[in-house]
Amino acid sequence: MAATRALPAGLGELEVLAVGTVLLMEALSGISLNGLTIFSFCKTPDLRTPSNLLVLSLALADTGISLNALVAAVSSLLRQTVGMGHGHPSGAVCVDVICLLGIPAPDGLGPL
């Protein structure tokens, strides 16, 4: 008998999978494009101006947001495929990572 998994209120399995997929695409594109910006700033001396320093700062901050979205996407997709929950070891690890990063858990868990 398969264990039932609690999904966030009002969302079905397809919606959770869609949210995870969109977050994954956003995270990967954000990391790669911001990485390109950081790489260009470091390799091209002409770009090292005070105004481009602000662009570099924005790229670094946006990379952090993209890493946050990547963790959220992986946890959403793992929730669908592995069957995460309090009794499952990988679910406990993922909930720990989410709480450490300050991402609100979908089922209302607080910090561990």
PDB file of N, CA and C in Angstrom:
ATOM      1  N   MET A   1       0.835  -1.175   0.000  1.00  0.00           N
ATOM      2  CA  MET A   1       0.000   0.000   0.000  1.00  0.00           C
ATOM      3  C   MET A   1       0.879   1.237   0.000  1.00  0.00           C
ATOM      4  N   ALA A   2       0.638   2.121  -0.929  1.00  0.00           N
ATOM      5  CA  ALA A   2       1.441   3.332  -1.053  1.00  0.00           C
ATOM      6  C   ALA A   2       1.035   4.338   0.008  1.00  0.00           C
ATOM      7  N   ALA A   3       2.046   4.979   0.591  1.00  0.00           N
ATOM      8  CA  ALA A   3       1.768   6.002   1.593  1.00  0.00           C
ATOM      9  C   ALA A   3       1.284   7.272   0.912  1.00  0.00           C
ATOM     10  N   THR A   4       0.291   7.905   1.504  1.00  0.00           N
ATOM     11  CA  THR A   4      -0.205   9.154   0.934  1.00  0.00           C
ATOM     12  C   THR A   4       0.661  10.299   1.418  1.00  0.00           C
ATOM     13  N   ARG A   5       0.864  11.253   0.549  1.00  0.00           N
ATOM     14  CA  ARG A   5       1.679  12.412   0.891  1.00  0.00           C
ATOM     15  C   ARG A   5       0.779  13.619   0.993  1.00  0.00           C
ATOM     16  N   ALA A   6       1.005  14.435   1.989  1.00  0.00           N
ATOM     17  CA  ALA A   6       0.207  15.644   2.160  1.00  0.00           C
ATOM     18  C   ALA A   6       0.775  16.731   1.259  1.00  0.00           C
ATOM     19  N   LEU A   7      -0.060  17.250   0.383  1.00  0.00           N
ATOM     20  CA  LEU A   7       0.325  18.359  -0.487  1.00  0.00           C
ATOM     21  C   LEU A   7      -0.127  19.662   0.139  1.00  0.00           C
ATOM     22  N   PRO A   8       0.454  20.780  -0.272  1.00  0.00           N
ATOM     23  CA  PRO A   8      -0.017  22.066   0.241  1.00  0.00           C
ATOM     24  C   PRO A   8      -1.510  22.240  -0.050  1.00  0.00           C
ATOM     25  N   ALA A   9      -2.191  22.967   0.806  1.00  0.00           N
ATOM     26  CA  ALA A   9      -3.637  23.141   0.685  1.00  0.00           C
ATOM     27  C   ALA A   9      -3.992  23.782  -0.652  1.00  0.00           C
ATOM     28  N   GLY A  10      -4.942  23.174  -1.340  1.00  0.00           N
ATOM     29  CA  GLY A  10      -5.434  23.723  -2.597  1.00  0.00           C
ATOM     30  C   GLY A  10      -4.610  23.379  -3.823  1.00  0.00           C
ATOM     31  N   LEU A  11      -3.543  22.624  -3.671  1.00  0.00           N
ATOM     32  CA  LEU A  11      -2.692  22.267  -4.804  1.00  0.00           C
ATOM     33  C   LEU A  11      -2.705  20.764  -5.026  1.00  0.00           C
ATOM     34  N   GLY A  12      -2.797  20.370  -6.276  1.00  0.00           N
ATOM     35  CA  GLY A  12      -2.713  18.967  -6.637  1.00  0.00           C
ATOM     36  C   GLY A  12      -1.290  18.600  -6.998  1.00  0.00           C
ATOM     37  N   GLU A  13      -1.092  17.337  -7.355  1.00  0.00           N
ATOM     38  CA  GLU A  13       0.249  16.874  -7.707  1.00  0.00           C
ATOM     39  C   GLU A  13       0.781  17.575  -8.944  1.00  0.00           C
ATOM     40  N   LEU A  14      -0.086  17.817  -9.916  1.00  0.00           N
ATOM     41  CA  LEU A  14       0.351  18.465 -11.148  1.00  0.00           C
ATOM     42  C   LEU A  14       0.805  19.904 -10.900  1.00  0.00           C
ATOM     43  N   GLU A  15       0.084  20.619 -10.028  1.00  0.00           N
ATOM     44  CA  GLU A  15       0.472  22.000  -9.727  1.00  0.00           C
ATOM     45  C   GLU A  15       1.804  22.064  -9.000  1.00  0.00           C
ATOM     46  N   VAL A  16       2.023  21.150  -8.053  1.00  0.00           N
ATOM     47  CA  VAL A  16       3.298  21.128  -7.322  1.00  0.00           C
ATOM     48  C   VAL A  16       4.445  20.785  -8.269  1.00  0.00           C
ATOM     49  N   LEU A  17       4.206  19.852  -9.179  1.00  0.00           N
ATOM     50  CA  LEU A  17       5.221  19.500 -10.174  1.00  0.00           C
ATOM     51  C   LEU A  17       5.498  20.678 -11.108  1.00  0.00           C
ATOM     52  N   ALA A  18       4.459  21.401 -11.505  1.00  0.00           N
ATOM     53  CA  ALA A  18       4.637  22.557 -12.384  1.00  0.00           C
ATOM     54  C   ALA A  18       5.424  23.664 -11.685  1.00  0.00           C
ATOM     55  N   VAL A  19       5.115  23.917 -10.422  1.00  0.00           N
ATOM     56  CA  VAL A  19       5.844  24.946  -9.669  1.00  0.00           C
ATOM     57  C   VAL A  19       7.314  24.557  -9.540  1.00  0.00           C
ATOM     58  N   GLY A  20       7.573  23.295  -9.235  1.00  0.00           N
ATOM     59  CA  GLY A  20       8.961  22.832  -9.123  1.00  0.00           C
ATOM     60  C   GLY A  20       9.714  22.953 -10.433  1.00  0.00           C
ATOM     61  N   THR A  21       9.048  22.641 -11.550  1.00  0.00           N
ATOM     62  CA  THR A  21       9.697  22.734 -12.858  1.00  0.00           C
ATOM     63  C   THR A  21       9.996  24.181 -13.226  1.00  0.00           C
ATOM     64  N   VAL A  22       9.052  25.072 -12.974  1.00  0.00           N
ATOM     65  CA  VAL A  22       9.272  26.498 -13.276  1.00  0.00           C
ATOM     66  C   VAL A  22      10.387  27.061 -12.405  1.00  0.00           C
ATOM     67  N   LEU A  23      10.400  26.711 -11.130  1.00  0.00           N
ATOM     68  CA  LEU A  23      11.475  27.179 -10.247  1.00  0.00           C
ATOM     69  C   LEU A  23      12.831  26.642 -10.695  1.00  0.00           C
ATOM     70  N   LEU A  24      12.862  25.403 -11.166  1.00  0.00           N
ATOM     71  CA  LEU A  24      14.116  24.818 -11.637  1.00  0.00           C
ATOM     72  C   LEU A  24      14.624  25.552 -12.871  1.00  0.00           C
ATOM     73  N   MET A  25      13.741  25.841 -13.818  1.00  0.00           N
ATOM     74  CA  MET A  25      14.148  26.578 -15.027  1.00  0.00           C
ATOM     75  C   MET A  25      14.626  27.989 -14.668  1.00  0.00           C
ATOM     76  N   GLU A  26      13.918  28.649 -13.752  1.00  0.00           N
ATOM     77  CA  GLU A  26      14.313  29.999 -13.335  1.00  0.00           C
ATOM     78  C   GLU A  26      15.666  29.972 -12.635  1.00  0.00           C
ATOM     79  N   ALA A  27      15.866  28.985 -11.788  1.00  0.00           N
ATOM     80  CA  ALA A  27      17.118  28.911 -11.041  1.00  0.00           C
ATOM     81  C   ALA A  27      18.299  28.638 -11.957  1.00  0.00           C
ATOM     82  N   LEU A  28      18.156  27.706 -12.874  1.00  0.00           N
ATOM     83  CA  LEU A  28      19.272  27.376 -13.762  1.00  0.00           C
ATOM     84  C   LEU A  28      19.596  28.522 -14.714  1.00  0.00           C
ATOM     85  N   SER A  29      18.567  29.177 -15.247  1.00  0.00           N
ATOM     86  CA  SER A  29      18.842  30.319 -16.131  1.00  0.00           C
ATOM     87  C   SER A  29      19.422  31.481 -15.340  1.00  0.00           C
ATOM     88  N   GLY A  30      18.928  31.712 -14.131  1.00  0.00           N
ATOM     89  CA  GLY A  30      19.473  32.800 -13.310  1.00  0.00           C
ATOM     90  C   GLY A  30      20.919  32.576 -12.931  1.00  0.00           C
ATOM     91  N   ILE A  31      21.244  31.355 -12.549  1.00  0.00           N
ATOM     92  CA  ILE A  31      22.633  31.054 -12.171  1.00  0.00           C
ATOM     93  C   ILE A  31      23.557  31.181 -13.375  1.00  0.00           C
ATOM     94  N   SER A  32      23.132  30.655 -14.520  1.00  0.00           N
ATOM     95  CA  SER A  32      24.017  30.705 -15.689  1.00  0.00           C
ATOM     96  C   SER A  32      24.184  32.128 -16.221  1.00  0.00           C
ATOM     97  N   LEU A  33      23.111  32.888 -16.321  1.00  0.00           N
ATOM     98  CA  LEU A  33      23.233  34.250 -16.868  1.00  0.00           C
ATOM     99  C   LEU A  33      23.946  35.196 -15.904  1.00  0.00           C
ATOM    100  N   ASN A  34      23.690  35.056 -14.611  1.00  0.00           N
ATOM    101  CA  ASN A  34      24.418  35.886 -13.650  1.00  0.00           C
ATOM    102  C   ASN A  34      25.871  35.463 -13.560  1.00  0.00           C
ATOM    103  N   GLY A  35      26.131  34.173 -13.739  1.00  0.00           N
ATOM    104  CA  GLY A  35      27.518  33.716 -13.796  1.00  0.00           C
ATOM    105  C   GLY A  35      28.261  34.305 -14.986  1.00  0.00           C
ATOM    106  N   LEU A  36      27.548  34.417 -16.105  1.00  0.00           N
ATOM    107  CA  LEU A  36      28.140  35.047 -17.284  1.00  0.00           C
ATOM    108  C   LEU A  36      28.456  36.520 -17.021  1.00  0.00           C
ATOM    109  N   THR A  37      27.575  37.201 -16.314  1.00  0.00           N
ATOM    110  CA  THR A  37      27.812  38.606 -15.964  1.00  0.00           C
ATOM    111  C   THR A  37      29.023  38.743 -15.047  1.00  0.00           C
ATOM    112  N   ILE A  38      29.117  37.892 -14.040  1.00  0.00           N
ATOM    113  CA  ILE A  38      30.248  37.943 -13.108  1.00  0.00           C
ATOM    114  C   ILE A  38      31.547  37.593 -13.830  1.00  0.00           C
ATOM    115  N   PHE A  39      31.503  36.578 -14.683  1.00  0.00           N
ATOM    116  CA  PHE A  39      32.681  36.182 -15.454  1.00  0.00           C
ATOM    117  C   PHE A  39      33.139  37.321 -16.370  1.00  0.00           C
ATOM    118  N   SER A  40      32.195  37.975 -17.039  1.00  0.00           N
ATOM    119  CA  SER A  40      32.537  39.082 -17.936  1.00  0.00           C
ATOM    120  C   SER A  40      33.160  40.237 -17.175  1.00  0.00           C
ATOM    121  N   PHE A  41      32.621  40.542 -15.999  1.00  0.00           N
ATOM    122  CA  PHE A  41      33.169  41.636 -15.192  1.00  0.00           C
ATOM    123  C   PHE A  41      34.601  41.321 -14.766  1.00  0.00           C
ATOM    124  N   CYS A  42      34.852  40.075 -14.382  1.00  0.00           N
ATOM    125  CA  CYS A  42      36.188  39.699 -13.909  1.00  0.00           C
ATOM    126  C   CYS A  42      37.213  39.619 -15.035  1.00  0.00           C
ATOM    127  N   LYS A  43      36.800  39.216 -16.243  1.00  0.00           N
ATOM    128  CA  LYS A  43      37.747  39.001 -17.332  1.00  0.00           C
ATOM    129  C   LYS A  43      37.975  40.224 -18.218  1.00  0.00           C
ATOM    130  N   THR A  44      37.067  41.185 -18.214  1.00  0.00           N
ATOM    131  CA  THR A  44      37.183  42.342 -19.101  1.00  0.00           C
ATOM    132  C   THR A  44      37.530  43.580 -18.283  1.00  0.00           C
ATOM    133  N   PRO A  45      38.754  44.088 -18.400  1.00  0.00           N
ATOM    134  CA  PRO A  45      39.146  45.260 -17.609  1.00  0.00           C
ATOM    135  C   PRO A  45      38.328  46.520 -17.921  1.00  0.00           C
ATOM    136  N   ASP A  46      37.830  46.649 -19.140  1.00  0.00           N
ATOM    137  CA  ASP A  46      37.047  47.836 -19.486  1.00  0.00           C
ATOM    138  C   ASP A  46      35.714  47.904 -18.741  1.00  0.00           C
ATOM    139  N   LEU A  47      35.244  46.776 -18.255  1.00  0.00           N
ATOM    140  CA  LEU A  47      33.964  46.755 -17.543  1.00  0.00           C
ATOM    141  C   LEU A  47      34.094  47.127 -16.071  1.00  0.00           C
ATOM    142  N   ARG A  48      35.300  47.279 -15.596  1.00  0.00           N
ATOM    143  CA  ARG A  48      35.512  47.561 -14.174  1.00  0.00           C
ATOM    144  C   ARG A  48      35.399  49.049 -13.884  1.00  0.00           C
ATOM    145  N   THR A  49      34.174  49.526 -13.958  1.00  0.00           N
ATOM    146  CA  THR A  49      33.872  50.925 -13.648  1.00  0.00           C
ATOM    147  C   THR A  49      32.952  50.954 -12.435  1.00  0.00           C
ATOM    148  N   PRO A  50      32.838  52.106 -11.771  1.00  0.00           N
ATOM    149  CA  PRO A  50      31.949  52.180 -10.604  1.00  0.00           C
ATOM    150  C   PRO A  50      30.486  51.833 -10.919  1.00  0.00           C
ATOM    151  N   SER A  51      30.008  52.234 -12.070  1.00  0.00           N
ATOM    152  CA  SER A  51      28.611  51.908 -12.397  1.00  0.00           C
ATOM    153  C   SER A  51      28.431  50.417 -12.668  1.00  0.00           C
ATOM    154  N   ASN A  52      29.431  49.776 -13.265  1.00  0.00           N
ATOM    155  CA  ASN A  52      29.340  48.336 -13.493  1.00  0.00           C
ATOM    156  C   ASN A  52      29.554  47.541 -12.211  1.00  0.00           C
ATOM    157  N   LEU A  53      30.149  48.182 -11.201  1.00  0.00           N
ATOM    158  CA  LEU A  53      30.272  47.520  -9.905  1.00  0.00           C
ATOM    159  C   LEU A  53      28.881  47.285  -9.302  1.00  0.00           C
ATOM    160  N   LEU A  54      27.962  48.219  -9.561  1.00  0.00           N
ATOM    161  CA  LEU A  54      26.589  48.028  -9.111  1.00  0.00           C
ATOM    162  C   LEU A  54      25.931  46.854  -9.839  1.00  0.00           C
ATOM    163  N   VAL A  55      26.240  46.706 -11.126  1.00  0.00           N
ATOM    164  CA  VAL A  55      25.708  45.573 -11.888  1.00  0.00           C
ATOM    165  C   VAL A  55      26.272  44.265 -11.328  1.00  0.00           C
ATOM    166  N   LEU A  56      27.558  44.263 -10.979  1.00  0.00           N
ATOM    167  CA  LEU A  56      28.168  43.072 -10.379  1.00  0.00           C
ATOM    168  C   LEU A  56      27.500  42.735  -9.052  1.00  0.00           C
ATOM    169  N   SER A  57      27.241  43.744  -8.243  1.00  0.00           N
ATOM    170  CA  SER A  57      26.579  43.522  -6.962  1.00  0.00           C
ATOM    171  C   SER A  57      25.183  42.940  -7.162  1.00  0.00           C
ATOM    172  N   LEU A  58      24.461  43.447  -8.133  1.00  0.00           N
ATOM    173  CA  LEU A  58      23.133  42.921  -8.442  1.00  0.00           C
ATOM    174  C   LEU A  58      23.210  41.474  -8.936  1.00  0.00           C
ATOM    175  N   ALA A  59      24.210  41.172  -9.747  1.00  0.00           N
ATOM    176  CA  ALA A  59      24.372  39.804 -10.249  1.00  0.00           C
ATOM    177  C   ALA A  59      24.696  38.841  -9.110  1.00  0.00           C
ATOM    178  N   LEU A  60      25.518  39.269  -8.170  1.00  0.00           N
ATOM    179  CA  LEU A  60      25.846  38.408  -7.029  1.00  0.00           C
ATOM    180  C   LEU A  60      24.616  38.162  -6.158  1.00  0.00           C
ATOM    181  N   ALA A  61      23.844  39.212  -5.906  1.00  0.00           N
ATOM    182  CA  ALA A  61      22.634  39.055  -5.095  1.00  0.00           C
ATOM    183  C   ALA A  61      21.611  38.173  -5.810  1.00  0.00           C
ATOM    184  N   ASP A  62      21.469  38.367  -7.109  1.00  0.00           N
ATOM    185  CA  ASP A  62      20.514  37.578  -7.877  1.00  0.00           C
ATOM    186  C   ASP A  62      20.936  36.111  -7.965  1.00  0.00           C
ATOM    187  N   THR A  63      22.232  35.856  -7.940  1.00  0.00           N
ATOM    188  CA  THR A  63      22.713  34.481  -7.909  1.00  0.00           C
ATOM    189  C   THR A  63      22.295  33.800  -6.605  1.00  0.00           C
ATOM    190  N   GLY A  64      22.342  34.536  -5.515  1.00  0.00           N
ATOM    191  CA  GLY A  64      21.868  33.987  -4.241  1.00  0.00           C
ATOM    192  C   GLY A  64      20.389  33.660  -4.275  1.00  0.00           C
ATOM    193  N   ILE A  65      19.597  34.524  -4.892  1.00  0.00           N
ATOM    194  CA  ILE A  65      18.166  34.264  -5.037  1.00  0.00           C
ATOM    195  C   ILE A  65      17.941  33.033  -5.915  1.00  0.00           C
ATOM    196  N   SER A  66      18.737  32.902  -6.964  1.00  0.00           N
ATOM    197  CA  SER A  66      18.598  31.741  -7.851  1.00  0.00           C
ATOM    198  C   SER A  66      18.983  30.448  -7.142  1.00  0.00           C
ATOM    199  N   LEU A  67      19.987  30.501  -6.294  1.00  0.00           N
ATOM    200  CA  LEU A  67      20.344  29.307  -5.504  1.00  0.00           C
ATOM    201  C   LEU A  67      19.214  28.934  -4.543  1.00  0.00           C
ATOM    202  N   ASN A  68      18.570  29.943  -3.978  1.00  0.00           N
ATOM    203  CA  ASN A  68      17.421  29.706  -3.112  1.00  0.00           C
ATOM    204  C   ASN A  68      16.286  29.040  -3.899  1.00  0.00           C
ATOM    205  N   ALA A  69      16.038  29.527  -5.112  1.00  0.00           N
ATOM    206  CA  ALA A  69      14.996  28.942  -5.958  1.00  0.00           C
ATOM    207  C   ALA A  69      15.372  27.518  -6.362  1.00  0.00           C
ATOM    208  N   LEU A  70      16.659  27.258  -6.536  1.00  0.00           N
ATOM    209  CA  LEU A  70      17.105  25.911  -6.894  1.00  0.00           C
ATOM    210  C   LEU A  70      16.803  24.925  -5.767  1.00  0.00           C
ATOM    211  N   VAL A  71      17.058  25.318  -4.537  1.00  0.00           N
ATOM    212  CA  VAL A  71      16.756  24.452  -3.396  1.00  0.00           C
ATOM    213  C   VAL A  71      15.248  24.219  -3.293  1.00  0.00           C
ATOM    214  N   ALA A  72      14.463  25.273  -3.509  1.00  0.00           N
ATOM    215  CA  ALA A  72      13.006  25.127  -3.461  1.00  0.00           C
ATOM    216  C   ALA A  72      12.513  24.208  -4.572  1.00  0.00           C
ATOM    217  N   ALA A  73      13.105  24.320  -5.758  1.00  0.00           N
ATOM    218  CA  ALA A  73      12.686  23.473  -6.879  1.00  0.00           C
ATOM    219  C   ALA A  73      13.032  22.019  -6.624  1.00  0.00           C
ATOM    220  N   VAL A  74      14.228  21.774  -6.145  1.00  0.00           N
ATOM    221  CA  VAL A  74      14.647  20.393  -5.883  1.00  0.00           C
ATOM    222  C   VAL A  74      13.782  19.786  -4.788  1.00  0.00           C
ATOM    223  N   SER A  75      13.478  20.559  -3.752  1.00  0.00           N
ATOM    224  CA  SER A  75      12.636  20.014  -2.686  1.00  0.00           C
ATOM    225  C   SER A  75      11.225  19.757  -3.184  1.00  0.00           C
ATOM    226  N   SER A  76      10.713  20.611  -4.074  1.00  0.00           N
ATOM    227  CA  SER A  76       9.380  20.396  -4.630  1.00  0.00           C
ATOM    228  C   SER A  76       9.351  19.155  -5.508  1.00  0.00           C
ATOM    229  N   LEU A  77      10.384  18.989  -6.329  1.00  0.00           N
ATOM    230  CA  LEU A  77      10.428  17.818  -7.200  1.00  0.00           C
ATOM    231  C   LEU A  77      10.698  16.538  -6.415  1.00  0.00           C
ATOM    232  N   LEU A  78      11.521  16.614  -5.368  1.00  0.00           N
ATOM    233  CA  LEU A  78      11.758  15.439  -4.523  1.00  0.00           C
ATOM    234  C   LEU A  78      10.494  15.049  -3.776  1.00  0.00           C
ATOM    235  N   ARG A  79       9.720  16.028  -3.403  1.00  0.00           N
ATOM    236  CA  ARG A  79       8.463  15.762  -2.714  1.00  0.00           C
ATOM    237  C   ARG A  79       7.552  14.910  -3.593  1.00  0.00           C
ATOM    238  N   GLN A  80       7.608  15.138  -4.901  1.00  0.00           N
ATOM    239  CA  GLN A  80       6.764  14.390  -5.823  1.00  0.00           C
ATOM    240  C   GLN A  80       7.305  12.991  -6.075  1.00  0.00           C
ATOM    241  N   THR A  81       8.626  12.844  -6.196  1.00  0.00           N
ATOM    242  CA  THR A  81       9.170  11.565  -6.636  1.00  0.00           C
ATOM    243  C   THR A  81       9.566  10.645  -5.487  1.00  0.00           C
ATOM    244  N   VAL A  82      10.069  11.198  -4.393  1.00  0.00           N
ATOM    245  CA  VAL A  82      10.576  10.366  -3.316  1.00  0.00           C
ATOM    246  C   VAL A  82       9.516  10.113  -2.257  1.00  0.00           C
ATOM    247  N   GLY A  83       8.574  11.000  -2.124  1.00  0.00           N
ATOM    248  CA  GLY A  83       7.558  10.835  -1.090  1.00  0.00           C
ATOM    249  C   GLY A  83       8.040  11.346   0.242  1.00  0.00           C
ATOM    250  N   MET A  84       8.426  12.610   0.246  1.00  0.00           N
ATOM    251  CA  MET A  84       9.000  13.183   1.450  1.00  0.00           C
ATOM    252  C   MET A  84       7.949  13.341   2.537  1.00  0.00           C
ATOM    253  N   GLY A  85       8.402  13.277   3.730  1.00  0.00           N
ATOM    254  CA  GLY A  85       7.542  13.474   4.877  1.00  0.00           C
ATOM    255  C   GLY A  85       8.358  13.306   6.135  1.00  0.00           C
ATOM    256  N   HIS A  86       7.700  13.366   7.274  1.00  0.00           N
ATOM    257  CA  HIS A  86       8.435  13.285   8.541  1.00  0.00           C
ATOM    258  C   HIS A  86       9.062  11.914   8.750  1.00  0.00           C
ATOM    259  N   GLY A  87       8.458  10.857   8.206  1.00  0.00           N
ATOM    260  CA  GLY A  87       8.986   9.524   8.412  1.00  0.00           C
ATOM    261  C   GLY A  87      10.062   9.131   7.428  1.00  0.00           C
ATOM    262  N   HIS A  88      10.259   9.910   6.395  1.00  0.00           N
ATOM    263  CA  HIS A  88      11.216   9.545   5.352  1.00  0.00           C
ATOM    264  C   HIS A  88      12.541  10.262   5.594  1.00  0.00           C
ATOM    265  N   PRO A  89      13.690   9.548   5.578  1.00  0.00           N
ATOM    266  CA  PRO A  89      14.984  10.178   5.882  1.00  0.00           C
ATOM    267  C   PRO A  89      15.336  11.319   4.940  1.00  0.00           C
ATOM    268  N   SER A  90      15.112  11.156   3.629  1.00  0.00           N
ATOM    269  CA  SER A  90      15.477  12.237   2.715  1.00  0.00           C
ATOM    270  C   SER A  90      14.567  13.432   2.919  1.00  0.00           C
ATOM    271  N   GLY A  91      13.342  13.190   3.355  1.00  0.00           N
ATOM    272  CA  GLY A  91      12.433  14.288   3.650  1.00  0.00           C
ATOM    273  C   GLY A  91      12.923  15.098   4.836  1.00  0.00           C
ATOM    274  N   ALA A  92      13.448  14.427   5.847  1.00  0.00           N
ATOM    275  CA  ALA A  92      13.951  15.132   7.022  1.00  0.00           C
ATOM    276  C   ALA A  92      15.164  15.978   6.666  1.00  0.00           C
ATOM    277  N   VAL A  93      16.050  15.446   5.832  1.00  0.00           N
ATOM    278  CA  VAL A  93      17.233  16.202   5.418  1.00  0.00           C
ATOM    279  C   VAL A  93      16.824  17.424   4.621  1.00  0.00           C
ATOM    280  N   CYS A  94      15.884  17.248   3.699  1.00  0.00           N
ATOM    281  CA  CYS A  94      15.458  18.366   2.864  1.00  0.00           C
ATOM    282  C   CYS A  94      14.750  19.426   3.695  1.00  0.00           C
ATOM    283  N   VAL A  95      13.935  19.019   4.662  1.00  0.00           N
ATOM    284  CA  VAL A  95      13.270  19.984   5.534  1.00  0.00           C
ATOM    285  C   VAL A  95      14.310  20.731   6.358  1.00  0.00           C
ATOM    286  N   ASP A  96      15.373  20.055   6.802  1.00  0.00           N
ATOM    287  CA  ASP A  96      16.444  20.730   7.527  1.00  0.00           C
ATOM    288  C   ASP A  96      17.103  21.796   6.670  1.00  0.00           C
ATOM    289  N   VAL A  97      17.397  21.470   5.413  1.00  0.00           N
ATOM    290  CA  VAL A  97      18.034  22.433   4.517  1.00  0.00           C
ATOM    291  C   VAL A  97      17.108  23.618   4.274  1.00  0.00           C
ATOM    292  N   ILE A  98      15.830  23.358   4.066  1.00  0.00           N
ATOM    293  CA  ILE A  98      14.873  24.435   3.824  1.00  0.00           C
ATOM    294  C   ILE A  98      14.790  25.351   5.034  1.00  0.00           C
ATOM    295  N   CYS A  99      14.748  24.789   6.229  1.00  0.00           N
ATOM    296  CA  CYS A  99      14.658  25.619   7.433  1.00  0.00           C
ATOM    297  C   CYS A  99      15.933  26.427   7.646  1.00  0.00           C
ATOM    298  N   LEU A 100      17.084  25.840   7.345  1.00  0.00           N
ATOM    299  CA  LEU A 100      18.336  26.573   7.496  1.00  0.00           C
ATOM    300  C   LEU A 100      18.425  27.739   6.526  1.00  0.00           C
ATOM    301  N   LEU A 101      17.870  27.578   5.323  1.00  0.00           N
ATOM    302  CA  LEU A 101      17.920  28.648   4.335  1.00  0.00           C
ATOM    303  C   LEU A 101      16.796  29.651   4.510  1.00  0.00           C
ATOM    304  N   GLY A 102      15.872  29.397   5.405  1.00  0.00           N
ATOM    305  CA  GLY A 102      14.798  30.339   5.663  1.00  0.00           C
ATOM    306  C   GLY A 102      13.657  30.252   4.680  1.00  0.00           C
ATOM    307  N   ILE A 103      13.548  29.139   3.950  1.00  0.00           N
ATOM    308  CA  ILE A 103      12.439  28.966   3.028  1.00  0.00           C
ATOM    309  C   ILE A 103      11.266  28.409   3.812  1.00  0.00           C
ATOM    310  N   PRO A 104      10.096  29.026   3.739  1.00  0.00           N
ATOM    311  CA  PRO A 104       8.956  28.460   4.462  1.00  0.00           C
ATOM    312  C   PRO A 104       8.558  27.106   3.874  1.00  0.00           C
ATOM    313  N   ALA A 105       8.408  26.133   4.723  1.00  0.00           N
ATOM    314  CA  ALA A 105       8.022  24.802   4.268  1.00  0.00           C
ATOM    315  C   ALA A 105       6.556  24.814   3.844  1.00  0.00           C
ATOM    316  N   PRO A 106       6.215  24.056   2.805  1.00  0.00           N
ATOM    317  CA  PRO A 106       4.847  24.088   2.299  1.00  0.00           C
ATOM    318  C   PRO A 106       3.808  23.566   3.271  1.00  0.00           C
ATOM    319  N   ASP A 107       4.208  22.709   4.201  1.00  0.00           N
ATOM    320  CA  ASP A 107       3.212  22.189   5.132  1.00  0.00           C
ATOM    321  C   ASP A 107       3.256  22.899   6.481  1.00  0.00           C
ATOM    322  N   GLY A 108       3.851  24.081   6.541  1.00  0.00           N
ATOM    323  CA  GLY A 108       3.814  24.917   7.722  1.00  0.00           C
ATOM    324  C   GLY A 108       4.772  24.532   8.815  1.00  0.00           C
ATOM    325  N   LEU A 109       5.824  23.798   8.503  1.00  0.00           N
ATOM    326  CA  LEU A 109       6.805  23.425   9.532  1.00  0.00           C
ATOM    327  C   LEU A 109       7.622  24.644   9.918  1.00  0.00           C
ATOM    328  N   GLY A 110       7.907  24.758  11.184  1.00  0.00           N
ATOM    329  CA  GLY A 110       8.767  25.851  11.637  1.00  0.00           C
ATOM    330  C   GLY A 110      10.207  25.400  11.686  1.00  0.00           C
ATOM    331  N   PRO A 111      11.084  26.237  12.228  1.00  0.00           N
ATOM    332  CA  PRO A 111      12.492  25.824  12.364  1.00  0.00           C
ATOM    333  C   PRO A 111      12.595  24.606  13.269  1.00  0.00           C
ATOM    334  N   LEU A 112      13.523  23.732  12.914  1.00  0.00           N
ATOM    335  CA  LEU A 112      13.678  22.488  13.685  1.00  0.00           C
ATOM    336  C   LEU A 112      14.429  22.724  14.970  1.00  0.00           C
TER     337      LEU A 112
END
